[in-house]
Protein backbone atom coordinates (compact mmCIF):
# COMPACT_ATOMS: atom_id res chain seq x y z
CA MET A 1 0.00 0.00 0.00
CA SER A 2 1.12 3.54 -0.67
CA ASP A 3 2.38 5.73 2.16
CA GLN A 4 0.84 8.81 0.51
CA PRO A 5 -2.21 10.41 2.21
CA LEU A 6 -5.46 9.10 0.76
CA PRO A 7 -7.32 11.68 -1.35
CA VAL A 8 -10.84 12.89 -0.62
CA VAL A 9 -12.70 15.08 -3.12
CA PHE A 10 -14.98 17.57 -1.34
CA VAL A 11 -17.42 19.61 -3.43
CA GLU A 12 -19.20 22.50 -1.66
CA ASP A 13 -20.17 25.95 -2.91
CA ASP A 14 -20.11 27.51 0.58
CA ASP A 15 -16.62 29.01 0.96
CA ASP A 16 -16.48 28.86 4.77
CA LEU A 17 -17.74 25.27 5.00
CA ARG A 18 -15.40 24.20 2.21
CA ALA A 19 -12.36 25.71 3.97
CA ALA A 20 -13.32 24.30 7.38
CA THR A 21 -13.90 20.80 5.98
CA ALA A 22 -10.62 20.87 4.08
CA GLN A 23 -8.83 21.63 7.33
CA THR A 24 -10.68 18.78 9.10
CA LEU A 25 -9.66 16.34 6.37
CA GLU A 26 -6.02 17.43 6.42
CA LEU A 27 -5.84 17.12 10.22
CA ALA A 28 -7.30 13.60 9.93
CA GLY A 29 -4.49 12.60 7.58
CA TYR A 30 -6.31 12.83 4.25
CA ARG A 31 -5.32 14.82 1.16
CA ALA A 32 -8.19 17.23 0.62
CA LEU A 33 -9.09 18.04 -2.99
CA VAL A 34 -11.73 20.78 -2.70
CA PHE A 35 -13.95 22.21 -5.43
CA ALA A 36 -16.56 24.95 -5.42
CA ALA A 37 -18.57 23.26 -8.19
CA ALA A 38 -19.16 19.74 -9.52
CA GLU A 39 -18.02 20.31 -13.12
CA PRO A 40 -14.29 20.83 -12.39
CA ALA A 41 -14.38 17.96 -9.88
CA LEU A 42 -15.85 15.67 -12.53
CA ALA A 43 -13.08 16.63 -14.95
CA ALA A 44 -10.44 15.73 -12.37
CA LEU A 45 -11.74 12.20 -11.66
CA ASP A 46 -11.38 8.87 -13.46
CA ALA A 47 -11.97 5.20 -12.71
CA SER A 48 -8.53 4.82 -11.10
CA PHE A 49 -9.19 7.44 -8.41
CA PRO A 50 -8.16 5.77 -5.13
CA GLY A 51 -10.23 7.89 -2.78
CA VAL A 52 -13.75 8.99 -1.82
CA VAL A 53 -16.02 11.76 -3.13
CA VAL A 54 -18.10 13.95 -0.79
CA SER A 55 -20.53 16.39 -2.41
CA ASP A 56 -23.30 18.76 -1.40
CA ILE A 57 -26.64 18.09 -3.10
CA ARG A 58 -27.79 21.67 -3.63
CA MET A 59 -25.26 23.56 -5.80
CA PRO A 60 -25.46 25.98 -8.72
CA GLY A 61 -25.01 24.30 -12.08
CA LEU A 62 -24.51 20.58 -11.81
CA GLY A 63 -26.27 19.35 -8.64
CA GLY A 64 -24.91 16.68 -6.35
CA LEU A 65 -27.29 13.92 -7.44
CA GLU A 66 -26.58 14.38 -11.15
CA PHE A 67 -22.87 14.66 -10.27
CA PHE A 68 -23.16 11.24 -8.58
CA ARG A 69 -24.94 9.74 -11.60
CA ARG A 70 -22.15 10.83 -13.94
CA LEU A 71 -19.52 9.45 -11.56
CA HIS A 72 -21.52 6.23 -11.36
CA ARG A 73 -21.32 5.86 -15.13
CA LEU A 74 -17.59 6.53 -14.93
CA ASP A 75 -17.03 3.98 -12.16
CA PRO A 76 -20.00 2.34 -10.42
CA ASP A 77 -17.74 1.34 -7.50
CA LEU A 78 -16.57 4.86 -6.66
CA PRO A 79 -17.97 5.73 -3.19
CA VAL A 80 -19.94 8.99 -3.15
CA ILE A 81 -21.21 10.57 0.06
CA LEU A 82 -23.90 13.25 -0.32
CA VAL A 83 -24.32 16.15 2.09
CA THR A 84 -27.93 17.28 2.47
CA GLY A 85 -30.05 19.95 4.09
CA HIS A 86 -33.09 18.86 6.12
CA GLY A 87 -35.37 19.44 3.17
CA ASP A 88 -33.40 16.99 1.00
CA ILE A 89 -33.28 14.00 3.36
CA ALA A 90 -36.02 12.10 1.48
CA LEU A 91 -34.13 12.69 -1.77
CA ALA A 92 -30.89 11.51 -0.18
CA VAL A 93 -32.49 8.34 1.18
CA ALA A 94 -33.87 7.57 -2.27
CA SER A 95 -30.42 8.09 -3.77
CA LEU A 96 -29.09 5.19 -1.69
CA HIS A 97 -31.07 2.85 -3.96
CA GLU A 98 -29.21 4.30 -6.95
CA GLY A 99 -25.85 3.46 -5.40
CA VAL A 100 -24.89 6.48 -3.29
CA TYR A 101 -22.65 5.14 -0.54
CA ASP A 102 -23.99 7.33 2.32
CA PHE A 103 -25.54 10.70 3.09
CA ILE A 104 -24.96 13.19 5.91
CA ALA A 105 -27.46 15.80 7.03
CA LYS A 106 -26.34 19.36 7.78
CA PRO A 107 -25.16 20.44 10.25
CA TYR A 108 -22.94 17.45 10.87
CA PRO A 109 -20.17 16.82 13.43
CA ALA A 110 -16.70 16.26 12.00
CA ASP A 111 -16.58 12.77 13.52
CA ARG A 112 -19.67 11.72 11.54
CA LEU A 113 -18.06 12.82 8.26
CA LEU A 114 -14.70 11.19 9.04
CA GLU A 115 -16.34 7.90 10.05
CA ALA A 116 -18.33 7.78 6.78
CA ILE A 117 -15.17 8.54 4.79
CA ARG A 118 -13.18 5.88 6.67
CA ARG A 119 -15.75 3.17 5.89
CA ALA A 120 -16.04 4.30 2.26
CA GLN A 121 -12.26 4.34 1.90
CA GLU A 122 -12.00 0.74 3.16
CA LYS A 123 -14.56 -0.30 0.54
CA ARG A 124 -12.71 1.62 -2.20
CA ALA A 125 -9.39 0.00 -1.26
CA LEU A 126 -10.93 -3.47 -1.52
CA VAL A 127 -12.48 -2.70 -4.91
CA LEU A 128 -9.20 -1.43 -6.36
CA GLU A 129 -7.19 -4.31 -4.94
CA ASN A 130 -9.63 -6.82 -6.39
CA ARG A 131 -9.15 -5.14 -9.77
CA VAL A 132 -5.39 -5.43 -9.41
CA LEU A 133 -5.69 -9.09 -8.43
CA ARG A 134 -7.93 -9.91 -11.36
CA ALA A 135 -5.60 -8.12 -13.76
CA ALA A 136 -2.66 -10.02 -12.32
CA ALA A 137 -4.60 -13.26 -12.60
CA ALA A 138 -5.37 -12.57 -16.26
CA ARG A 139 -1.73 -12.11 -17.18
CA GLY A 140 -0.22 -14.65 -14.80
CA GLY A 141 1.01 -17.08 -17.45
CA ASP A 142 3.25 -20.01 -16.64
CA ASP A 143 5.98 -17.97 -14.96
CA ILE A 144 3.96 -16.94 -11.93
CA ALA A 145 6.67 -17.46 -9.32
CA PHE A 146 9.03 -15.30 -11.40
CA LEU A 147 6.61 -12.35 -11.37
CA GLY A 148 7.38 -9.15 -9.51
CA GLU A 149 7.73 -5.43 -10.03
CA ALA A 150 10.01 -4.82 -7.05
CA ALA A 151 13.42 -3.45 -8.05
CA ALA A 152 15.16 -6.62 -6.83
CA MET A 153 12.98 -8.82 -9.04
CA ARG A 154 13.46 -6.61 -12.11
CA ARG A 155 17.23 -6.77 -11.62
CA LEU A 156 17.05 -10.55 -11.12
CA ARG A 157 15.12 -11.12 -14.36
CA ALA A 158 17.49 -8.85 -16.27
CA THR A 159 20.52 -10.71 -14.92
CA VAL A 160 19.03 -14.12 -15.71
CA ARG A 161 18.38 -13.05 -19.31
CA GLN A 162 21.87 -11.59 -19.57
CA ILE A 163 23.65 -14.78 -18.46
CA ALA A 164 21.21 -17.39 -19.78
CA ASP A 165 23.31 -18.03 -22.90
CA ALA A 166 26.65 -17.91 -21.10
CA ASP A 167 28.25 -21.24 -20.24
CA VAL A 168 28.89 -20.23 -16.67
CA ASP A 169 27.97 -22.09 -13.48
CA VAL A 170 25.56 -20.23 -11.20
CA LEU A 171 24.91 -20.26 -7.47
CA VAL A 172 21.36 -19.29 -6.40
CA GLU A 173 20.85 -18.34 -2.77
CA GLY A 174 17.52 -17.76 -1.07
CA GLU A 175 15.22 -18.84 1.72
CA THR A 176 12.88 -21.80 1.42
CA GLY A 177 10.02 -21.06 -0.94
CA THR A 178 11.58 -18.10 -2.75
CA GLY A 179 11.68 -19.89 -6.12
CA LYS A 180 15.28 -21.02 -6.58
CA GLU A 181 14.30 -23.85 -8.93
CA VAL A 182 12.19 -21.40 -10.95
CA VAL A 183 15.30 -19.27 -11.52
CA ALA A 184 17.27 -22.35 -12.55
CA GLU A 185 14.53 -23.35 -15.01
CA HIS A 186 14.57 -19.87 -16.56
CA LEU A 187 18.34 -19.93 -16.92
CA HIS A 188 17.85 -23.15 -18.86
CA ARG A 189 14.75 -22.09 -20.81
CA TRP A 190 16.10 -18.71 -21.92
CA GLY A 191 19.48 -20.09 -22.98
CA ARG A 192 20.83 -22.11 -25.89
CA ARG A 193 20.55 -25.34 -23.85
CA SER A 194 16.74 -25.17 -23.74
CA SER A 195 16.32 -28.00 -26.27
CA ARG A 196 18.25 -30.43 -24.03
CA ALA A 197 17.48 -31.88 -20.62
CA PHE A 198 16.95 -29.90 -17.42
CA VAL A 199 17.94 -32.36 -14.68
CA ALA A 200 17.18 -31.58 -11.04
CA LEU A 201 18.44 -33.30 -7.89
CA ASN A 202 17.73 -32.36 -4.28
CA CYS A 203 20.97 -33.04 -2.42
CA GLY A 204 19.20 -32.97 0.91
CA GLY A 205 16.49 -35.41 -0.05
CA LEU A 206 18.59 -38.55 -0.57
CA PRO A 207 20.80 -40.58 1.80
CA GLU A 208 24.53 -40.56 1.14
CA THR A 209 24.45 -44.19 -0.04
CA VAL A 210 22.02 -43.28 -2.83
CA ILE A 211 23.03 -39.77 -3.88
CA GLU A 212 26.44 -40.86 -5.23
CA SER A 213 24.85 -43.35 -7.61
CA GLU A 214 22.16 -40.81 -8.55
CA LEU A 215 24.78 -38.21 -9.43
CA PHE A 216 27.55 -40.24 -11.05
CA GLY A 217 25.70 -43.37 -12.20
CA HIS A 218 27.05 -46.90 -11.98
CA GLU A 219 27.95 -49.92 -14.04
CA ALA A 220 26.32 -53.32 -13.64
CA GLY A 221 27.80 -55.11 -10.64
CA ALA A 222 29.32 -51.94 -9.16
CA PHE A 223 27.72 -52.83 -5.80
CA THR A 224 25.22 -55.28 -4.39
CA GLY A 225 21.91 -54.86 -6.19
CA ALA A 226 23.39 -53.02 -9.18
CA GLN A 227 22.09 -55.46 -11.78
CA LYS A 228 22.33 -53.14 -14.77
CA ARG A 229 24.05 -49.97 -15.84
CA ARG A 230 22.50 -46.69 -14.70
CA VAL A 231 23.20 -43.28 -16.24
CA GLY A 232 23.69 -40.69 -13.48
CA ARG A 233 22.17 -37.24 -13.33
CA ILE A 234 25.43 -35.59 -14.36
CA GLU A 235 25.75 -37.65 -17.51
CA HIS A 236 22.03 -37.38 -18.26
CA SER A 237 22.31 -33.58 -18.27
CA ASP A 238 24.97 -33.67 -21.01
CA GLY A 239 24.21 -30.74 -23.32
CA GLY A 240 21.69 -29.34 -20.86
CA THR A 241 21.51 -28.02 -17.31
CA LEU A 242 22.13 -29.80 -13.99
CA PHE A 243 20.28 -28.24 -11.04
CA LEU A 244 21.57 -29.21 -7.60
CA ASP A 245 19.17 -28.01 -4.91
CA GLU A 246 20.17 -27.70 -1.24
CA ILE A 247 23.78 -28.20 -2.25
CA GLU A 248 24.87 -27.26 1.28
CA SER A 249 23.49 -30.67 2.32
CA MET A 250 25.78 -32.62 -0.01
CA PRO A 251 28.03 -35.04 1.94
CA PRO A 252 31.68 -33.84 2.11
CA SER A 253 32.93 -37.00 0.38
CA LEU A 254 30.81 -36.20 -2.68
CA GLN A 255 31.78 -32.54 -2.67
CA VAL A 256 35.33 -33.57 -3.63
CA LYS A 257 34.04 -35.61 -6.57
CA LEU A 258 31.68 -32.85 -7.72
CA LEU A 259 34.52 -30.33 -7.60
CA ARG A 260 36.53 -32.56 -9.92
CA VAL A 261 33.59 -32.81 -12.34
CA LEU A 262 33.25 -29.04 -12.38
CA GLU A 263 36.95 -28.56 -13.08
CA THR A 264 37.40 -31.30 -15.70
CA ARG A 265 33.88 -31.58 -17.15
CA ARG A 266 34.32 -35.36 -16.98
CA VAL A 267 32.43 -37.96 -14.92
CA GLU A 268 33.45 -41.41 -13.68
CA PRO A 269 30.49 -43.72 -12.93
CA LEU A 270 30.78 -46.13 -10.01
CA GLY A 271 32.32 -49.46 -10.94
CA THR A 272 34.53 -48.19 -13.75
CA ASN A 273 37.77 -46.30 -14.26
CA GLU A 274 36.45 -44.84 -17.48
CA SER A 275 36.16 -41.06 -17.60
CA ARG A 276 33.37 -39.66 -19.79
CA LYS A 277 33.26 -36.11 -21.10
CA VAL A 278 30.14 -34.11 -20.31
CA ASP A 279 28.94 -30.75 -21.62
CA LEU A 280 26.81 -29.30 -18.90
CA ARG A 281 25.95 -26.18 -17.01
CA VAL A 282 25.56 -26.47 -13.24
CA VAL A 283 23.10 -24.34 -11.30
CA ALA A 284 23.41 -24.91 -7.56
CA ALA A 285 20.97 -23.62 -4.94
CA ALA A 286 21.46 -23.06 -1.23
CA LYS A 287 19.22 -21.89 1.62
CA VAL A 288 22.19 -20.42 3.49
CA ASP A 289 24.82 -17.81 2.69
CA LEU A 290 27.75 -19.98 1.58
CA SER A 291 30.09 -16.98 1.67
CA ASP A 292 29.76 -16.99 5.47
CA PRO A 293 32.10 -19.66 6.96
CA LYS A 294 29.80 -20.12 9.95
CA ALA A 295 26.73 -20.66 7.79
CA ARG A 296 28.74 -22.79 5.34
CA GLY A 297 29.64 -25.37 8.00
CA ASP A 298 31.40 -28.36 6.43
CA PHE A 299 30.71 -27.21 2.88
CA ARG A 300 34.09 -27.00 1.13
CA SER A 301 35.32 -23.49 0.50
CA ASP A 302 37.03 -24.54 -2.76
CA LEU A 303 33.73 -25.91 -4.06
CA TYR A 304 31.98 -22.71 -3.05
CA TYR A 305 34.52 -20.57 -4.91
CA ARG A 306 34.27 -22.86 -7.96
CA LEU A 307 30.48 -22.46 -8.03
CA ASN A 308 30.57 -18.76 -7.19
CA VAL A 309 31.24 -17.53 -10.70
CA VAL A 310 27.83 -15.83 -10.68
CA THR A 311 25.69 -15.65 -7.53
CA LEU A 312 22.02 -14.73 -7.68
CA ARG A 313 20.26 -13.82 -4.45
CA LEU A 314 16.48 -14.23 -4.28
CA PRO A 315 14.82 -11.72 -1.96
CA PRO A 316 12.33 -13.08 0.60
CA LEU A 317 8.75 -11.99 0.11
CA ARG A 318 8.87 -9.73 3.17
CA GLU A 319 11.48 -7.61 1.35
CA ARG A 320 9.23 -7.10 -1.69
CA ARG A 321 5.79 -6.65 -0.20
CA GLU A 322 4.66 -4.61 -3.21
CA ASP A 323 4.69 -7.87 -5.20
CA VAL A 324 2.30 -9.70 -2.86
CA PRO A 325 -0.94 -8.53 -4.58
CA LEU A 326 0.48 -9.29 -8.03
CA LEU A 327 1.55 -12.79 -7.05
CA PHE A 328 -1.62 -13.45 -5.09
CA GLY A 329 -3.80 -12.50 -8.05
CA ALA A 330 -1.88 -14.81 -10.36
CA PHE A 331 -2.05 -17.65 -7.85
CA LEU A 332 -5.80 -17.08 -7.48
CA ARG A 333 -6.32 -17.54 -11.21
CA ARG A 334 -4.26 -20.72 -11.29
CA SER A 335 -5.99 -22.09 -8.20
CA ALA A 336 -9.46 -21.26 -9.51
CA GLU A 337 -8.68 -23.06 -12.76
CA ARG A 338 -7.23 -26.02 -10.90
CA PHE A 339 -10.22 -26.45 -8.57
CA GLY A 340 -12.89 -25.38 -11.07
CA ARG A 341 -14.01 -22.50 -8.86
CA PRO A 342 -14.88 -18.86 -9.69
CA LEU A 343 -12.40 -16.15 -8.80
CA PRO A 344 -13.39 -14.89 -5.32
CA ASP A 345 -13.34 -11.24 -4.30
CA LEU A 346 -10.78 -10.16 -1.74
CA THR A 347 -12.17 -9.74 1.78
CA ALA A 348 -11.05 -7.19 4.35
CA GLU A 349 -9.66 -9.98 6.53
CA ALA A 350 -7.61 -11.45 3.67
CA ARG A 351 -6.40 -7.99 2.64
CA GLU A 352 -5.13 -7.36 6.16
CA HIS A 353 -3.40 -10.74 6.22
CA LEU A 354 -1.70 -10.07 2.88
CA ALA A 355 -0.46 -6.70 4.10
CA ARG A 356 0.72 -7.67 7.59
CA HIS A 357 1.92 -11.25 7.34
CA ASP A 358 5.70 -11.73 7.04
CA TRP A 359 5.41 -14.83 4.80
CA PRO A 360 8.18 -16.96 6.33
CA GLY A 361 7.35 -19.62 3.73
CA ASN A 362 7.69 -16.97 0.98
CA VAL A 363 6.11 -17.51 -2.44
CA ARG A 364 5.23 -21.12 -1.66
CA GLU A 365 3.26 -20.08 1.43
CA LEU A 366 1.45 -17.36 -0.54
CA LEU A 367 0.46 -19.95 -3.16
CA HIS A 368 -1.02 -22.22 -0.49
CA PHE A 369 -2.93 -19.27 1.00
CA ALA A 370 -4.38 -18.49 -2.44
CA GLU A 371 -5.45 -22.13 -2.84
CA ARG A 372 -7.25 -22.09 0.52
CA PHE A 373 -8.84 -18.74 -0.35
CA VAL A 374 -10.30 -20.13 -3.59
CA LEU A 375 -11.63 -23.12 -1.62
CA GLY A 376 -13.25 -20.84 0.95
CA LEU A 377 -10.93 -21.95 3.75
CA HIS A 378 -9.18 -18.61 4.27
CA GLY A 379 -10.80 -18.11 7.68
CA GLU A 380 -9.08 -21.19 9.05
CA PRO A 381 -5.44 -20.83 10.09
CA SER A 382 -3.23 -23.33 8.32
CA VAL A 383 -0.39 -25.28 9.83
CA ALA A 384 2.04 -23.07 7.89
CA GLU A 385 0.53 -19.90 9.37
CA ALA A 386 0.12 -21.32 12.86
CA SER A 387 3.77 -22.31 12.94
CA ALA A 388 6.63 -19.83 12.83
CA ALA A 389 9.76 -19.84 10.73
CA PRO A 390 12.66 -21.91 12.15
CA ASP A 391 14.30 -18.84 13.69
CA GLU A 392 11.15 -17.54 15.39
CA GLY A 393 11.39 -19.41 18.69
CA GLY A 394 10.35 -22.73 20.15
CA LEU A 395 6.95 -24.33 20.62
CA ALA A 396 5.93 -22.16 23.58
CA GLU A 397 6.69 -18.94 21.72
CA GLN A 398 4.87 -20.15 18.60
CA VAL A 399 1.77 -21.12 20.63
CA GLU A 400 1.80 -17.68 22.29
CA ARG A 401 1.90 -15.92 18.92
CA PHE A 402 -0.83 -18.14 17.53
CA GLU A 403 -3.09 -17.48 20.54
CA ALA A 404 -2.54 -13.72 20.24
CA GLU A 405 -3.44 -13.79 16.54
CA LEU A 406 -6.66 -15.74 17.23
CA ILE A 407 -7.67 -13.14 19.83
CA ARG A 408 -6.92 -10.28 17.44
CA ALA A 409 -8.91 -12.01 14.67
CA ALA A 410 -11.92 -12.42 16.99
CA LEU A 411 -11.73 -8.76 18.04
CA ARG A 412 -11.57 -7.66 14.42
CA GLU A 413 -14.59 -9.77 13.49
CA THR A 414 -16.64 -8.39 16.40
CA ASN A 415 -15.37 -4.78 16.09
CA GLY A 416 -14.03 -5.02 19.62
CA ASP A 417 -17.34 -6.06 21.20
CA VAL A 418 -16.37 -7.85 24.41
CA ARG A 419 -19.47 -10.00 24.82
CA ALA A 420 -19.37 -11.22 21.24
CA THR A 421 -15.62 -11.90 21.49
CA LEU A 422 -16.04 -13.86 24.72
CA ALA A 423 -18.78 -15.94 23.09
CA ARG A 424 -16.64 -16.56 19.99
CA LEU A 425 -13.56 -17.57 21.98
CA ARG A 426 -15.55 -19.33 24.76
CA LEU A 427 -13.45 -17.66 27.42
CA PRO A 428 -14.34 -16.35 30.90
CA ARG A 429 -14.12 -12.56 31.16
CA LYS A 430 -11.17 -12.57 33.61
CA THR A 431 -9.19 -15.03 31.49
CA PHE A 432 -9.86 -12.89 28.42
CA TYR A 433 -8.54 -9.72 30.05
CA ASP A 434 -5.54 -11.58 31.45
CA LYS A 435 -4.67 -12.72 27.93
CA LEU A 436 -5.11 -9.20 26.53
CA LYS A 437 -2.65 -7.91 29.11
CA ARG A 438 -0.14 -10.72 28.51
CA HIS A 439 -0.17 -10.24 24.73
CA GLY A 440 -0.21 -6.43 24.89
CA ILE A 441 -3.54 -6.22 23.00
CA THR A 442 -5.73 -3.14 23.47
CA ARG A 443 -9.41 -3.77 22.83
CA ALA A 444 -10.07 -0.13 21.96
CA GLU A 445 -8.02 -0.34 18.76
CA PHE A 446 -10.57 -2.82 17.35
CA ALA A 447 -13.70 -1.02 18.58
CA MET A 448 -15.89 0.86 16.12
CA SER A 449 -17.32 2.83 19.04
CA GLU A 450 -17.21 2.75 22.80
CA GLY A 451 -19.66 -0.02 23.56
CA GLU A 452 -20.16 -2.38 26.47
CA ASP A 453 -16.97 -3.25 28.24
């Protein structure tokens, strides 16, 4: 979301009221766009306007109701609040059936106007975000996980295109779920090797006794159970690309052999002394910073330096929050097609989650959230959301955070109403207030108004 003040158009022919209201809006944190007549206001607005329109009904020239009707034709989802005199209340009530968002009778307290604008602004934000999501869904394509308008993602795509045709080994670093394999696939797809095999192996997903045979292959009789010759992943990727995921998990004994392959471009299958030439490009991926000796652990420094010809770092989703709506919209389209469901509209609860969540599981977690949203399960916390990232504390700390989030969610849904929240959470009043104090939650921040306490 933008950090700029949200705009409010205020149309009023009374000079004093117009000046006073502009000051009220500015003090409340809005950007006041004031007009003495409807015609110039109409000329300044279009369907992309992110704010709210407030207009008097009785004005010389174009009246407020006709002004609304023209705005409605421009964008039927643009919230318009009409200001009326006592004699126009019946007209204002009737205008609600035409689509006017709200009306306020003169004289009105500033709080009444600001509350109407706040609610209208929330609606407008949801409408515009749903449009962005649907546009993103329409153009998602097959490269969804590679989408992004953040500066880091634009630089990453430009670098991948620049080096795709170069026969240079690449190291891709990034947290779990950031799309390291997607980058490797694009390096292959956009380069001259695209017509040959893209071969992937997760170094952390196989035991040491198996990974050596998977990588280097073996001849018949090389070990017990080896009844026939097997071509290893290295040899199979001849002419193409070999992707080694979680390379930091590769056993040290195999690191020496891989280093030799990288230096000689030759492979020796198990059970033979024959050396076979291979033409391959290696893309290795790691979840840790291999340049840091502490993070590297027992990963060989000479292998790191051999792989580190070009290093691409994938930013976590929390560092490119502006891409969350774009990705979410694309994932919604794919999920809706997969499950045969219509594209759902974004809810206020989901919008808040998209904006505030840190996404420790990155793009993969966002995809799973989109899938649940399409299935109508977005109100239920998933295991991924209930659990924290590995560096976010132990079980007790994770349970505490999960409990606090459930309480906040209940308060949001009930607008801070204590009785309704107690009923929803099935908690005694004293226990509820004890938990508020422990988690540092203030009920008033969720309350629409000061109700029963």
